[in-house]
């Protein structure tokens, strides 16, 4: 299999249009991917801001202590940057939608 840089050089480059980016249509076929699974990449997705514990607590309407508890015991997506926890709202929203923040009946 060819290297990614070789494929990119051979197949072209990213096309930009306003705030949308779309992969060259030939690239997915060359690397064995379904082109429909790639979709369009939004600039916002590529530059999403990192949020603090305070920001995520406010976003979800819970306390900072709850956020720390969910990171420790429920697998809330979080990234340690130095001594600080950082979050991306899109990851947290996906986690909540998948039931990550749901309470279990046996919890008291």
Protein backbone atom coordinates (compact mmCIF):
# COMPACT_ATOMS: atom_id res chain seq x y z
CA UNK A 1 0.00 0.00 0.00
CA UNK A 2 1.31 3.44 -0.90
CA UNK A 3 2.04 5.99 1.77
CA UNK A 4 -0.55 8.66 2.51
CA UNK A 5 1.75 11.44 1.33
CA UNK A 6 2.30 9.64 -1.98
CA UNK A 7 -1.44 9.18 -2.40
CA UNK A 8 -2.08 12.83 -1.66
CA UNK A 9 0.59 13.93 -4.11
CA UNK A 10 -0.73 11.56 -6.78
CA UNK A 11 -4.40 12.26 -6.30
CA UNK A 12 -4.63 15.94 -5.65
CA UNK A 13 -5.43 18.06 -2.66
CA UNK A 14 -8.24 19.32 -0.51
CA UNK A 15 -10.75 21.56 -2.23
CA UNK A 16 -12.09 24.41 -0.18
CA UNK A 17 -15.35 26.20 -0.68
CA UNK A 18 -16.34 28.79 1.91
CA UNK A 19 -16.32 26.81 5.19
CA UNK A 20 -16.56 23.31 3.70
CA UNK A 21 -13.78 20.94 2.80
CA UNK A 22 -14.27 17.82 0.76
CA UNK A 23 -11.78 15.05 0.11
CA UNK A 24 -10.70 14.37 -3.43
CA UNK A 25 -13.10 11.70 -4.73
CA UNK A 26 -10.27 9.41 -5.91
CA UNK A 27 -8.50 9.20 -2.55
CA UNK A 28 -11.03 6.97 -0.75
CA UNK A 29 -10.96 4.41 -3.57
CA UNK A 30 -7.15 4.30 -3.52
CA UNK A 31 -7.02 3.57 0.21
CA UNK A 32 -9.97 1.18 0.17
CA UNK A 33 -12.56 3.38 1.89
CA UNK A 34 -16.21 3.89 1.04
CA UNK A 35 -16.33 7.46 -0.32
CA UNK A 36 -19.82 8.00 1.10
CA UNK A 37 -18.56 7.33 4.63
CA UNK A 38 -16.21 10.31 4.54
CA UNK A 39 -18.79 12.98 3.87
CA UNK A 40 -17.79 16.59 4.12
CA UNK A 41 -15.49 17.97 6.78
CA UNK A 42 -16.53 21.28 8.27
CA UNK A 43 -13.87 23.79 9.23
CA UNK A 44 -15.53 24.03 12.65
CA UNK A 45 -14.91 20.32 13.25
CA UNK A 46 -11.24 20.78 12.51
CA UNK A 47 -10.83 23.73 14.87
CA UNK A 48 -13.21 22.90 17.72
CA UNK A 49 -12.24 24.71 20.91
CA UNK A 50 -11.06 22.85 24.00
CA UNK A 51 -13.36 23.48 26.95
CA UNK A 52 -12.58 23.51 30.68
CA UNK A 53 -14.36 21.56 33.44
CA UNK A 54 -16.30 24.74 34.24
CA UNK A 55 -17.34 25.15 30.59
CA UNK A 56 -18.54 21.55 30.27
CA UNK A 57 -20.36 21.70 33.61
CA UNK A 58 -22.21 24.80 32.41
CA UNK A 59 -22.86 23.21 28.98
CA UNK A 60 -24.50 20.20 30.63
CA UNK A 61 -26.12 22.03 33.54
CA UNK A 62 -24.31 19.99 36.20
CA UNK A 63 -21.72 20.74 38.87
CA UNK A 64 -17.95 20.51 38.38
CA UNK A 65 -17.93 17.66 40.92
CA UNK A 66 -20.35 15.72 38.71
CA UNK A 67 -18.05 16.21 35.71
CA UNK A 68 -15.06 14.88 37.68
CA UNK A 69 -17.14 11.92 38.87
CA UNK A 70 -18.27 11.10 35.32
CA UNK A 71 -14.68 11.27 34.03
CA UNK A 72 -13.52 8.90 36.78
CA UNK A 73 -16.40 6.44 36.87
CA UNK A 74 -18.43 6.65 33.66
CA UNK A 75 -15.80 7.10 30.98
CA UNK A 76 -16.72 10.65 30.04
CA UNK A 77 -14.41 11.63 27.16
CA UNK A 78 -11.75 13.92 28.58
CA UNK A 79 -8.16 14.80 27.76
CA UNK A 80 -5.52 15.64 30.34
CA UNK A 81 -3.46 18.67 29.33
CA UNK A 82 -0.81 19.17 31.97
CA UNK A 83 -2.79 19.10 35.20
CA UNK A 84 -6.04 20.28 33.60
CA UNK A 85 -8.89 18.28 32.08
CA UNK A 86 -10.03 19.51 28.67
CA UNK A 87 -13.13 18.54 26.71
CA UNK A 88 -14.65 18.91 23.27
CA UNK A 89 -18.36 19.63 23.27
CA UNK A 90 -18.96 17.35 20.26
CA UNK A 91 -17.41 14.36 22.07
CA UNK A 92 -19.40 15.10 25.22
CA UNK A 93 -22.65 15.51 23.30
CA UNK A 94 -22.09 12.17 21.51
CA UNK A 95 -21.30 10.52 24.86
CA UNK A 96 -24.47 11.89 26.46
CA UNK A 97 -26.61 10.83 23.46
CA UNK A 98 -25.19 7.31 23.66
CA UNK A 99 -26.32 7.03 27.29
CA UNK A 100 -23.01 7.73 29.01
CA UNK A 101 -24.53 10.14 31.51
CA UNK A 102 -27.61 8.02 32.21
CA UNK A 103 -28.11 6.87 35.78
CA UNK A 104 -28.43 3.16 36.46
CA UNK A 105 -31.32 1.87 38.53
CA UNK A 106 -29.02 0.26 41.12
CA UNK A 107 -27.22 3.55 41.80
CA UNK A 108 -28.40 5.25 44.90
